[in-house]
């Protein structure tokens, strides 16, 4: 049987099954929640982020989901400092100039706090004099800490980050630390381009 599962990763859990960097005082990893042989994440989610991860024991499927060329959109619920105005949201949609280059156009909108949202442990830091807001942000790329860098660039640092959707898969019905098994998507069977084997001159 081939496994394809979705998992709601809690805050402060490493997105891997071992913590070789801290052998003496290991941190929480996926192995604390998932006991399936040969299953690996299809993509990553930072330790200080929460939400949806997809995992499989099928190497081709793992590569297909992780490969940016397939452009699976990823939707995040982002709690930020302050109240983003129309200009900040437009900048997120149009693309932000980061140190590693401009981001691709994205979808960004203000949203209410998600319903039935679980408490984070530990809670976010709260400043009584600074309001906070929620943004729904959908990207088709996945650079290192991209969402946090984008919101910071428009003046609204991220306080809490939850990945809510990957492609057609969502967090619906999953509490933090829970996983369930899914029907695996059909693998991309498009033929690979043949390499030109003519001798070079």
N, C-alpha and C. Protein backbone atom coordinates (compact mmCIF):
# COMPACT_ATOMS: atom_id res chain seq x y z
N UNK A 1 0.84 -1.20 0.00
CA UNK A 1 0.00 0.00 0.00
C UNK A 1 0.87 1.25 0.00
N UNK A 2 0.53 2.19 -0.86
CA UNK A 2 1.26 3.44 -0.92
C UNK A 2 0.52 4.48 -0.08
N UNK A 3 1.28 5.23 0.73
CA UNK A 3 0.69 6.21 1.63
C UNK A 3 0.72 7.61 1.02
N UNK A 4 -0.37 8.34 1.21
CA UNK A 4 -0.45 9.76 0.89
C UNK A 4 -1.30 10.38 1.98
N UNK A 5 -0.71 11.22 2.81
CA UNK A 5 -1.44 11.71 3.97
C UNK A 5 -1.34 13.24 4.07
N UNK A 6 -2.29 13.81 4.79
CA UNK A 6 -2.21 15.23 5.15
C UNK A 6 -2.06 15.31 6.66
N UNK A 7 -1.33 16.32 7.11
CA UNK A 7 -0.98 16.46 8.52
C UNK A 7 -1.08 17.92 8.92
N UNK A 8 -1.66 18.18 10.09
CA UNK A 8 -1.73 19.54 10.63
C UNK A 8 -0.56 19.71 11.60
N UNK A 9 0.51 20.32 11.11
CA UNK A 9 1.72 20.46 11.92
C UNK A 9 1.54 21.54 12.98
N UNK A 10 1.76 21.20 14.25
CA UNK A 10 1.68 22.22 15.29
C UNK A 10 2.88 23.16 15.26
N UNK A 11 2.75 24.27 15.93
CA UNK A 11 3.84 25.23 16.11
C UNK A 11 5.00 24.55 16.84
N UNK A 12 6.22 24.94 16.51
CA UNK A 12 7.45 24.49 17.17
C UNK A 12 7.77 23.02 16.92
N UNK A 13 7.25 22.47 15.83
CA UNK A 13 7.58 21.10 15.43
C UNK A 13 8.42 21.17 14.15
N UNK A 14 9.57 20.50 14.15
CA UNK A 14 10.42 20.47 12.96
C UNK A 14 9.71 19.72 11.84
N UNK A 15 9.83 20.19 10.59
CA UNK A 15 9.16 19.54 9.47
C UNK A 15 9.94 18.35 8.93
N UNK A 16 10.48 17.52 9.83
CA UNK A 16 11.30 16.36 9.46
C UNK A 16 11.16 15.32 10.57
N UNK A 17 11.69 14.13 10.33
CA UNK A 17 11.47 13.03 11.27
C UNK A 17 12.59 12.87 12.29
N UNK A 18 13.73 13.51 12.09
CA UNK A 18 14.83 13.43 13.05
C UNK A 18 15.39 14.82 13.29
N UNK A 19 16.08 14.96 14.42
CA UNK A 19 16.70 16.23 14.78
C UNK A 19 18.18 15.97 15.06
N UNK A 20 18.93 15.76 13.99
CA UNK A 20 20.35 15.43 14.14
C UNK A 20 21.15 16.59 14.72
N UNK A 21 20.66 17.81 14.54
CA UNK A 21 21.41 18.98 15.01
C UNK A 21 21.40 19.11 16.53
N UNK A 22 20.44 18.48 17.19
CA UNK A 22 20.33 18.58 18.65
C UNK A 22 20.13 17.20 19.25
N UNK A 23 21.11 16.35 19.10
CA UNK A 23 20.99 14.96 19.55
C UNK A 23 20.81 14.85 21.06
N UNK A 24 21.46 15.74 21.82
CA UNK A 24 21.38 15.65 23.28
C UNK A 24 20.04 16.16 23.81
N UNK A 25 19.52 17.21 23.20
CA UNK A 25 18.21 17.74 23.60
C UNK A 25 17.34 17.86 22.36
N UNK A 26 16.87 16.72 21.84
CA UNK A 26 16.11 16.74 20.59
C UNK A 26 14.82 17.54 20.71
N UNK A 27 14.50 18.23 19.62
CA UNK A 27 13.27 18.99 19.55
C UNK A 27 12.15 18.12 18.97
N UNK A 28 10.93 18.59 19.08
CA UNK A 28 9.79 17.84 18.57
C UNK A 28 9.86 17.76 17.05
N UNK A 29 9.61 16.56 16.50
CA UNK A 29 9.65 16.32 15.06
C UNK A 29 8.39 15.61 14.61
N UNK A 30 8.30 15.35 13.31
CA UNK A 30 7.14 14.65 12.76
C UNK A 30 6.99 13.25 13.37
N UNK A 31 8.10 12.64 13.78
CA UNK A 31 8.03 11.28 14.34
C UNK A 31 7.25 11.23 15.65
N UNK A 32 7.05 12.38 16.30
CA UNK A 32 6.24 12.41 17.52
C UNK A 32 4.76 12.25 17.22
N UNK A 33 4.38 12.38 15.94
CA UNK A 33 2.97 12.35 15.56
C UNK A 33 2.63 11.31 14.51
N UNK A 34 3.62 10.95 13.67
CA UNK A 34 3.37 10.06 12.53
C UNK A 34 4.28 8.85 12.64
N UNK A 35 3.68 7.67 12.69
CA UNK A 35 4.45 6.42 12.80
C UNK A 35 4.16 5.55 11.58
N UNK A 36 4.67 5.98 10.43
CA UNK A 36 4.50 5.24 9.19
C UNK A 36 5.86 5.06 8.55
N UNK A 37 6.22 3.84 8.17
CA UNK A 37 7.55 3.63 7.58
C UNK A 37 7.65 4.21 6.18
N UNK A 38 8.78 4.87 5.91
CA UNK A 38 9.08 5.32 4.56
C UNK A 38 8.34 6.54 4.07
N UNK A 39 7.62 7.23 4.97
CA UNK A 39 6.87 8.42 4.56
C UNK A 39 7.73 9.66 4.75
N UNK A 40 7.70 10.55 3.76
CA UNK A 40 8.49 11.78 3.83
C UNK A 40 7.66 12.97 3.37
N UNK A 41 8.00 14.18 3.86
CA UNK A 41 7.23 15.37 3.47
C UNK A 41 7.41 15.70 2.00
N UNK A 42 6.32 16.13 1.38
CA UNK A 42 6.37 16.68 0.03
C UNK A 42 6.35 18.20 0.17
N UNK A 43 7.52 18.77 0.40
CA UNK A 43 7.63 20.20 0.71
C UNK A 43 7.85 20.41 2.19
N UNK A 44 8.19 21.64 2.57
CA UNK A 44 8.52 21.95 3.95
C UNK A 44 7.57 22.98 4.53
N UNK A 45 7.66 23.13 5.83
CA UNK A 45 6.91 24.16 6.55
C UNK A 45 7.75 24.51 7.77
N UNK A 46 8.11 25.78 7.91
CA UNK A 46 9.05 26.18 8.95
C UNK A 46 8.61 25.73 10.34
N UNK A 47 9.59 25.55 11.20
CA UNK A 47 9.32 25.12 12.58
C UNK A 47 8.35 26.06 13.28
N UNK A 48 8.47 27.37 13.04
CA UNK A 48 7.60 28.32 13.72
C UNK A 48 6.33 28.65 12.94
N UNK A 49 6.03 27.84 11.94
CA UNK A 49 4.76 27.94 11.22
C UNK A 49 3.91 26.72 11.53
N UNK A 50 2.62 26.82 11.26
CA UNK A 50 1.67 25.76 11.57
C UNK A 50 0.90 25.38 10.31
N UNK A 51 0.21 24.24 10.39
CA UNK A 51 -0.75 23.95 9.35
C UNK A 51 -0.40 22.78 8.45
N UNK A 52 -0.92 22.84 7.23
CA UNK A 52 -0.99 21.69 6.35
C UNK A 52 0.36 21.27 5.78
N UNK A 53 0.65 19.98 5.94
CA UNK A 53 1.75 19.33 5.23
C UNK A 53 1.20 18.09 4.54
N UNK A 54 1.74 17.78 3.37
CA UNK A 54 1.42 16.54 2.66
C UNK A 54 2.64 15.64 2.71
N UNK A 55 2.41 14.35 2.97
CA UNK A 55 3.51 13.39 3.06
C UNK A 55 3.15 12.14 2.27
N UNK A 56 4.16 11.47 1.73
CA UNK A 56 3.94 10.27 0.95
C UNK A 56 5.18 9.38 1.00
N UNK A 57 5.00 8.09 0.68
CA UNK A 57 6.13 7.19 0.53
C UNK A 57 6.44 6.93 -0.94
N UNK A 58 5.77 7.69 -1.83
CA UNK A 58 5.98 7.56 -3.27
C UNK A 58 6.93 8.67 -3.71
N UNK A 59 8.13 8.30 -4.10
CA UNK A 59 9.14 9.29 -4.46
C UNK A 59 8.74 10.17 -5.61
N UNK A 60 8.11 9.60 -6.63
CA UNK A 60 7.69 10.41 -7.79
C UNK A 60 6.64 11.42 -7.40
N UNK A 61 5.69 10.99 -6.56
CA UNK A 61 4.64 11.89 -6.11
C UNK A 61 5.22 12.99 -5.23
N UNK A 62 6.14 12.63 -4.36
CA UNK A 62 6.79 13.62 -3.50
C UNK A 62 7.48 14.69 -4.35
N UNK A 63 8.21 14.25 -5.38
CA UNK A 63 8.92 15.19 -6.25
C UNK A 63 7.95 16.07 -7.02
N UNK A 64 6.84 15.48 -7.49
CA UNK A 64 5.88 16.25 -8.28
C UNK A 64 5.23 17.34 -7.44
N UNK A 65 4.85 17.02 -6.20
CA UNK A 65 4.20 18.02 -5.35
C UNK A 65 5.19 19.11 -4.96
N UNK A 66 6.44 18.73 -4.73
CA UNK A 66 7.45 19.68 -4.27
C UNK A 66 7.98 20.56 -5.39
N UNK A 67 7.91 20.08 -6.63
CA UNK A 67 8.54 20.77 -7.75
C UNK A 67 7.80 22.07 -8.09
N UNK A 68 8.47 23.23 -8.02
CA UNK A 68 7.81 24.50 -8.32
C UNK A 68 7.20 24.57 -9.71
N UNK A 69 7.69 23.77 -10.66
CA UNK A 69 7.17 23.88 -12.02
C UNK A 69 5.71 23.45 -12.11
N UNK A 70 5.24 22.67 -11.12
CA UNK A 70 3.83 22.27 -11.11
C UNK A 70 2.95 23.35 -10.52
N UNK A 71 3.56 24.34 -9.85
CA UNK A 71 2.87 25.54 -9.41
C UNK A 71 1.61 25.26 -8.59
N UNK A 72 1.70 24.31 -7.66
CA UNK A 72 0.55 24.08 -6.80
C UNK A 72 0.38 25.29 -5.88
N UNK A 73 -0.75 25.99 -5.96
CA UNK A 73 -0.92 27.17 -5.10
C UNK A 73 -0.99 26.77 -3.64
N UNK A 74 -0.40 27.58 -2.79
CA UNK A 74 -0.42 27.36 -1.35
C UNK A 74 -1.04 28.59 -0.69
N UNK A 75 -2.05 28.36 0.15
CA UNK A 75 -2.76 29.45 0.80
C UNK A 75 -2.42 29.48 2.28
N UNK A 76 -2.12 30.68 2.76
CA UNK A 76 -1.71 30.89 4.15
C UNK A 76 -2.66 31.86 4.83
N UNK A 77 -2.94 31.59 6.11
CA UNK A 77 -3.61 32.56 6.97
C UNK A 77 -2.51 33.23 7.79
N UNK A 78 -2.40 34.54 7.67
CA UNK A 78 -1.29 35.25 8.26
C UNK A 78 -1.81 36.32 9.23
N UNK A 79 -1.48 36.17 10.49
CA UNK A 79 -1.78 37.21 11.47
C UNK A 79 -0.61 38.17 11.51
N UNK A 80 -0.89 39.46 11.29
CA UNK A 80 0.17 40.44 11.18
C UNK A 80 -0.05 41.59 12.16
N UNK A 81 1.03 42.29 12.44
CA UNK A 81 0.92 43.52 13.23
C UNK A 81 0.31 44.62 12.38
N UNK A 82 -0.56 45.40 13.00
CA UNK A 82 -1.12 46.55 12.31
C UNK A 82 -2.30 46.20 11.42
N UNK A 83 -2.73 47.18 10.64
CA UNK A 83 -3.89 47.04 9.75
C UNK A 83 -3.46 47.38 8.33
N UNK A 84 -3.15 46.39 7.51
CA UNK A 84 -2.70 46.66 6.15
C UNK A 84 -3.74 47.46 5.36
N UNK A 85 -3.28 48.47 4.64
CA UNK A 85 -4.19 49.26 3.81
C UNK A 85 -4.19 48.72 2.38
N UNK A 86 -4.94 49.41 1.53
CA UNK A 86 -5.07 48.94 0.14
C UNK A 86 -3.72 48.91 -0.56
N UNK A 87 -2.85 49.87 -0.26
CA UNK A 87 -1.53 49.91 -0.92
C UNK A 87 -0.68 48.71 -0.53
N UNK A 88 -0.74 48.32 0.75
CA UNK A 88 0.04 47.16 1.21
C UNK A 88 -0.46 45.88 0.55
N UNK A 89 -1.77 45.72 0.46
CA UNK A 89 -2.32 44.52 -0.18
C UNK A 89 -1.99 44.49 -1.66
N UNK A 90 -2.03 45.66 -2.32
CA UNK A 90 -1.68 45.72 -3.75
C UNK A 90 -0.22 45.34 -3.95
N UNK A 91 0.66 45.78 -3.04
CA UNK A 91 2.07 45.44 -3.17
C UNK A 91 2.27 43.93 -3.04
N UNK A 92 1.56 43.29 -2.11
CA UNK A 92 1.65 41.84 -1.97
C UNK A 92 1.17 41.13 -3.23
N UNK A 93 0.10 41.66 -3.84
CA UNK A 93 -0.44 41.05 -5.05
C UNK A 93 0.49 41.22 -6.24
N UNK A 94 1.08 42.42 -6.35
CA UNK A 94 1.90 42.73 -7.53
C UNK A 94 3.28 42.10 -7.48
N UNK A 95 3.79 41.87 -6.26
CA UNK A 95 5.13 41.32 -6.10
C UNK A 95 6.00 42.24 -5.27
N UNK A 96 6.81 41.64 -4.41
CA UNK A 96 7.68 42.37 -3.51
C UNK A 96 9.13 42.15 -3.93
N UNK A 97 9.92 43.20 -3.94
CA UNK A 97 11.35 43.07 -4.24
C UNK A 97 12.08 42.62 -2.98
N UNK A 98 12.45 41.36 -2.93
CA UNK A 98 13.20 40.81 -1.81
C UNK A 98 14.67 40.72 -2.20
N UNK A 99 15.52 40.36 -1.25
CA UNK A 99 16.96 40.29 -1.52
C UNK A 99 17.29 39.26 -2.60
N UNK A 100 16.47 38.21 -2.69
CA UNK A 100 16.71 37.19 -3.71
C UNK A 100 15.85 37.39 -4.95
N UNK A 101 15.37 38.62 -5.15
CA UNK A 101 14.63 38.94 -6.36
C UNK A 101 13.15 39.18 -6.09
N UNK A 102 12.43 39.69 -7.09
CA UNK A 102 11.01 39.98 -6.93
C UNK A 102 10.18 38.71 -6.81
N UNK A 103 9.13 38.78 -6.01
CA UNK A 103 8.21 37.65 -5.89
C UNK A 103 7.22 37.67 -7.05
N UNK A 104 6.63 36.53 -7.32
CA UNK A 104 5.62 36.45 -8.36
C UNK A 104 4.32 37.09 -7.86
N UNK A 105 3.45 37.48 -8.78
CA UNK A 105 2.14 37.98 -8.35
C UNK A 105 1.42 36.96 -7.47
N UNK A 106 0.70 37.45 -6.48
CA UNK A 106 0.03 36.58 -5.51
C UNK A 106 -1.40 37.07 -5.32
N UNK A 107 -2.18 36.31 -4.59
CA UNK A 107 -3.50 36.74 -4.17
C UNK A 107 -3.41 37.15 -2.70
N UNK A 108 -3.98 38.30 -2.36
CA UNK A 108 -3.92 38.78 -0.98
C UNK A 108 -5.20 39.53 -0.65
N UNK A 109 -5.77 39.21 0.49
CA UNK A 109 -6.98 39.91 0.93
C UNK A 109 -7.03 39.89 2.45
N UNK A 110 -7.69 40.90 3.03
CA UNK A 110 -7.96 40.88 4.45
C UNK A 110 -9.02 39.83 4.75
N UNK A 111 -8.94 39.20 5.90
CA UNK A 111 -9.92 38.19 6.28
C UNK A 111 -10.20 38.31 7.77
N UNK A 112 -11.35 37.75 8.20
CA UNK A 112 -11.62 37.65 9.63
C UNK A 112 -10.75 36.56 10.23
N UNK A 113 -10.58 36.60 11.53
CA UNK A 113 -9.86 35.51 12.19
C UNK A 113 -10.54 34.19 11.84
N UNK A 114 -9.78 33.16 11.45
CA UNK A 114 -10.38 31.88 11.05
C UNK A 114 -11.29 31.32 12.15
N UNK A 115 -12.41 30.73 11.73
CA UNK A 115 -13.33 30.12 12.68
C UNK A 115 -12.70 28.88 13.31
N UNK A 116 -13.07 28.65 14.56
CA UNK A 116 -12.61 27.45 15.29
C UNK A 116 -11.08 27.33 15.30
N UNK A 117 -10.40 28.47 15.35
CA UNK A 117 -8.94 28.45 15.35
C UNK A 117 -8.43 27.96 16.70
N UNK A 118 -7.53 27.00 16.67
CA UNK A 118 -6.96 26.44 17.89
C UNK A 118 -5.99 27.44 18.51
N UNK A 119 -5.82 27.42 19.83
CA UNK A 119 -4.84 28.30 20.47
C UNK A 119 -3.43 27.85 20.16
N UNK A 120 -2.53 28.82 20.01
CA UNK A 120 -1.13 28.48 19.79
C UNK A 120 -0.42 28.37 21.11
N UNK A 121 0.51 27.41 21.21
CA UNK A 121 1.29 27.23 22.43
C UNK A 121 2.79 27.31 22.08
N UNK A 122 3.48 28.39 22.53
CA UNK A 122 2.98 29.49 23.35
C UNK A 122 2.20 30.50 22.51
N UNK A 123 1.40 31.35 23.17
CA UNK A 123 0.64 32.37 22.42
C UNK A 123 1.58 33.37 21.76
N UNK A 124 1.07 34.08 20.77
CA UNK A 124 1.85 35.14 20.14
C UNK A 124 2.04 36.28 21.14
N UNK A 125 3.08 37.06 20.92
CA UNK A 125 3.27 38.24 21.77
C UNK A 125 2.26 39.30 21.34
N UNK A 126 1.66 39.95 22.30
CA UNK A 126 0.64 40.95 22.03
C UNK A 126 1.10 42.29 22.57
N UNK A 127 1.00 43.33 21.73
CA UNK A 127 1.28 44.68 22.18
C UNK A 127 -0.05 45.43 22.24
N UNK A 128 -0.43 45.87 23.42
CA UNK A 128 -1.73 46.48 23.62
C UNK A 128 -1.95 47.69 22.74
N UNK A 129 -0.87 48.40 22.40
CA UNK A 129 -1.01 49.63 21.62
C UNK A 129 -1.01 49.40 20.11
N UNK A 130 -0.78 48.16 19.68
CA UNK A 130 -0.71 47.86 18.25
C UNK A 130 -1.78 46.83 17.90
N UNK A 131 -2.71 47.17 17.01
CA UNK A 131 -3.71 46.19 16.61
C UNK A 131 -3.10 45.09 15.75
N UNK A 132 -3.85 44.04 15.51
CA UNK A 132 -3.39 43.00 14.58
C UNK A 132 -4.51 42.67 13.61
N UNK A 133 -4.14 42.07 12.50
CA UNK A 133 -5.09 41.74 11.44
C UNK A 133 -4.74 40.38 10.85
N UNK A 134 -5.67 39.85 10.07
CA UNK A 134 -5.44 38.59 9.37
C UNK A 134 -5.48 38.83 7.86
N UNK A 135 -4.53 38.23 7.16
CA UNK A 135 -4.46 38.27 5.70
C UNK A 135 -4.52 36.84 5.17
N UNK A 136 -5.27 36.62 4.09
CA UNK A 136 -5.19 35.37 3.35
C UNK A 136 -4.29 35.61 2.15
N UNK A 137 -3.21 34.83 2.06
CA UNK A 137 -2.19 35.04 1.03
C UNK A 137 -1.98 33.73 0.28
N UNK A 138 -2.11 33.77 -1.04
CA UNK A 138 -1.93 32.57 -1.87
C UNK A 138 -0.76 32.78 -2.81
N UNK A 139 0.22 31.86 -2.72
CA UNK A 139 1.45 31.95 -3.52
C UNK A 139 1.57 30.75 -4.44
N UNK A 140 2.35 30.92 -5.51
CA UNK A 140 2.69 29.81 -6.40
C UNK A 140 4.20 29.61 -6.46
N UNK A 141 4.86 29.96 -5.38
CA UNK A 141 6.29 29.72 -5.23
C UNK A 141 6.55 29.50 -3.75
N UNK A 142 7.75 29.05 -3.42
CA UNK A 142 8.02 28.71 -2.03
C UNK A 142 9.45 28.99 -1.62
N UNK A 143 9.80 30.25 -1.53
CA UNK A 143 11.15 30.60 -1.09
C UNK A 143 11.25 30.50 0.43
N UNK A 144 12.48 30.52 0.89
CA UNK A 144 12.72 30.42 2.33
C UNK A 144 12.06 31.58 3.07
N UNK A 145 11.18 31.28 4.00
CA UNK A 145 10.48 32.24 4.85
C UNK A 145 9.87 33.38 4.04
N UNK A 146 9.32 33.03 2.90
CA UNK A 146 8.84 34.04 1.96
C UNK A 146 7.69 34.87 2.51
N UNK A 147 6.70 34.22 3.11
CA UNK A 147 5.53 34.96 3.59
C UNK A 147 5.96 35.99 4.64
N UNK A 148 6.79 35.58 5.58
CA UNK A 148 7.25 36.50 6.62
C UNK A 148 8.02 37.67 6.03
N UNK A 149 8.85 37.39 5.04
CA UNK A 149 9.62 38.47 4.43
C UNK A 149 8.73 39.42 3.64
N UNK A 150 7.68 38.90 3.01
CA UNK A 150 6.78 39.75 2.23
C UNK A 150 5.97 40.68 3.14
N UNK A 151 5.42 40.15 4.21
CA UNK A 151 4.62 41.02 5.08
C UNK A 151 5.50 42.04 5.79
N UNK A 152 6.71 41.65 6.16
CA UNK A 152 7.62 42.60 6.79
C UNK A 152 7.97 43.73 5.82
N UNK A 153 8.10 43.40 4.53
CA UNK A 153 8.48 44.39 3.53
C UNK A 153 7.41 45.46 3.35
N UNK A 154 6.15 45.13 3.64
CA UNK A 154 5.09 46.13 3.52
C UNK A 154 4.72 46.72 4.88
N UNK A 155 5.58 46.49 5.88
CA UNK A 155 5.41 47.13 7.17
C UNK A 155 4.52 46.44 8.16
N UNK A 156 4.26 45.13 7.94
CA UNK A 156 3.36 44.40 8.82
C UNK A 156 3.97 43.04 9.17
N UNK A 157 4.85 43.00 10.18
CA UNK A 157 5.51 41.74 10.55
C UNK A 157 4.49 40.64 10.89
N UNK A 158 4.85 39.42 10.51
CA UNK A 158 4.00 38.26 10.78
C UNK A 158 4.08 37.87 12.26
N UNK A 159 2.92 37.67 12.86
CA UNK A 159 2.83 37.19 14.24
C UNK A 159 2.55 35.70 14.30
N UNK A 160 1.72 35.24 13.38
CA UNK A 160 1.35 33.82 13.35
C UNK A 160 1.11 33.43 11.90
N UNK A 161 1.57 32.25 11.53
CA UNK A 161 1.49 31.81 10.13
C UNK A 161 0.96 30.38 10.07
N UNK A 162 -0.17 30.22 9.36
CA UNK A 162 -0.82 28.92 9.24
C UNK A 162 -1.02 28.61 7.76
N UNK A 163 -0.49 27.47 7.29
CA UNK A 163 -0.78 27.08 5.91
C UNK A 163 -2.10 26.32 5.90
N UNK A 164 -3.06 26.84 5.14
CA UNK A 164 -4.41 26.31 5.16
C UNK A 164 -4.73 25.41 3.97
N UNK A 165 -3.99 25.56 2.87
CA UNK A 165 -4.33 24.81 1.66
C UNK A 165 -3.09 24.59 0.81
N UNK A 166 -3.01 23.41 0.19
CA UNK A 166 -2.02 23.11 -0.84
C UNK A 166 -2.80 22.53 -2.02
N UNK A 167 -2.86 23.26 -3.12
CA UNK A 167 -3.66 22.78 -4.24
C UNK A 167 -5.11 22.59 -3.83
N UNK A 168 -5.62 21.37 -3.98
CA UNK A 168 -7.01 21.07 -3.61
C UNK A 168 -7.15 20.57 -2.18
N UNK A 169 -6.05 20.46 -1.46
CA UNK A 169 -6.08 19.87 -0.12
C UNK A 169 -6.09 20.95 0.95
N UNK A 170 -6.95 20.78 1.97
CA UNK A 170 -7.10 21.78 3.01
C UNK A 170 -6.93 21.15 4.39
N UNK A 171 -6.97 22.01 5.40
CA UNK A 171 -6.88 21.58 6.79
C UNK A 171 -8.20 21.09 7.36
N UNK A 172 -9.26 21.18 6.61
CA UNK A 172 -10.60 20.93 7.14
C UNK A 172 -10.69 19.61 7.91
N UNK A 173 -11.16 19.70 9.15
CA UNK A 173 -11.38 18.50 9.96
C UNK A 173 -10.17 17.98 10.70
N UNK A 174 -9.02 18.64 10.55
CA UNK A 174 -7.79 18.17 11.20
C UNK A 174 -7.41 19.09 12.36
N UNK A 175 -7.33 18.55 13.55
CA UNK A 175 -6.83 19.29 14.70
C UNK A 175 -5.30 19.27 14.66
N UNK A 176 -4.64 20.19 15.35
CA UNK A 176 -3.17 20.17 15.38
C UNK A 176 -2.63 18.82 15.86
N UNK A 177 -1.65 18.29 15.13
CA UNK A 177 -1.06 17.01 15.48
C UNK A 177 -1.77 15.81 14.88
N UNK A 178 -2.90 16.02 14.19
CA UNK A 178 -3.65 14.92 13.59
C UNK A 178 -3.27 14.76 12.11
N UNK A 179 -3.39 13.52 11.62
CA UNK A 179 -3.21 13.25 10.21
C UNK A 179 -4.26 12.27 9.74
N UNK A 180 -4.50 12.24 8.43
CA UNK A 180 -5.38 11.22 7.86
C UNK A 180 -4.88 10.82 6.48
N UNK A 181 -5.38 9.71 5.99
CA UNK A 181 -4.94 9.16 4.72
C UNK A 181 -5.87 9.63 3.60
N UNK A 182 -5.27 9.93 2.44
CA UNK A 182 -6.01 10.43 1.29
C UNK A 182 -5.79 9.53 0.08
N UNK A 183 -6.64 9.71 -0.91
CA UNK A 183 -6.40 9.07 -2.20
C UNK A 183 -5.35 9.89 -2.94
N UNK A 184 -4.29 9.24 -3.35
CA UNK A 184 -3.18 9.95 -3.98
C UNK A 184 -3.62 10.53 -5.32
N UNK A 185 -3.14 11.73 -5.66
CA UNK A 185 -3.46 12.30 -6.97
C UNK A 185 -2.77 11.53 -8.08
N UNK A 186 -3.28 11.69 -9.27
CA UNK A 186 -2.68 11.03 -10.43
C UNK A 186 -1.34 11.69 -10.75
N UNK A 187 -0.35 10.86 -10.97
CA UNK A 187 0.97 11.39 -11.30
C UNK A 187 0.97 11.99 -12.70
N UNK A 188 1.77 13.03 -12.87
CA UNK A 188 1.94 13.66 -14.17
C UNK A 188 2.62 12.67 -15.11
N UNK A 189 1.90 12.31 -16.17
CA UNK A 189 2.45 11.32 -17.10
C UNK A 189 2.87 11.95 -18.42
N UNK A 190 2.99 13.29 -18.45
CA UNK A 190 3.39 13.94 -19.69
C UNK A 190 4.78 13.48 -20.08
N UNK A 191 5.01 13.22 -21.35
CA UNK A 191 6.31 12.70 -21.78
C UNK A 191 7.42 13.72 -21.57
N UNK A 192 8.58 13.22 -21.18
CA UNK A 192 9.73 14.09 -21.01
C UNK A 192 10.32 14.42 -22.37
N UNK A 193 10.84 15.63 -22.45
CA UNK A 193 11.47 16.04 -23.70
C UNK A 193 12.72 15.21 -23.94
N UNK A 194 12.86 14.70 -25.16
CA UNK A 194 14.04 13.92 -25.49
C UNK A 194 15.22 14.87 -25.72
N UNK A 195 16.35 14.44 -25.22
CA UNK A 195 17.55 15.25 -25.39
C UNK A 195 18.07 15.13 -26.82
N UNK A 196 18.51 16.25 -27.32
CA UNK A 196 19.08 16.25 -28.67
C UNK A 196 20.44 15.57 -28.62
N UNK A 197 20.54 14.40 -29.27
CA UNK A 197 21.77 13.62 -29.21
C UNK A 197 22.67 13.85 -30.43
N UNK A 198 22.34 14.85 -31.23
CA UNK A 198 23.21 15.12 -32.39
C UNK A 198 24.56 15.63 -31.91
N UNK A 199 25.63 15.23 -32.55
CA UNK A 199 26.96 15.68 -32.10
C UNK A 199 27.11 17.19 -32.24
N UNK A 200 27.77 17.78 -31.23
CA UNK A 200 28.03 19.21 -31.28
C UNK A 200 29.19 19.51 -32.23
N UNK A 201 29.17 20.65 -32.84
CA UNK A 201 30.25 21.06 -33.76
C UNK A 201 31.01 22.22 -33.14
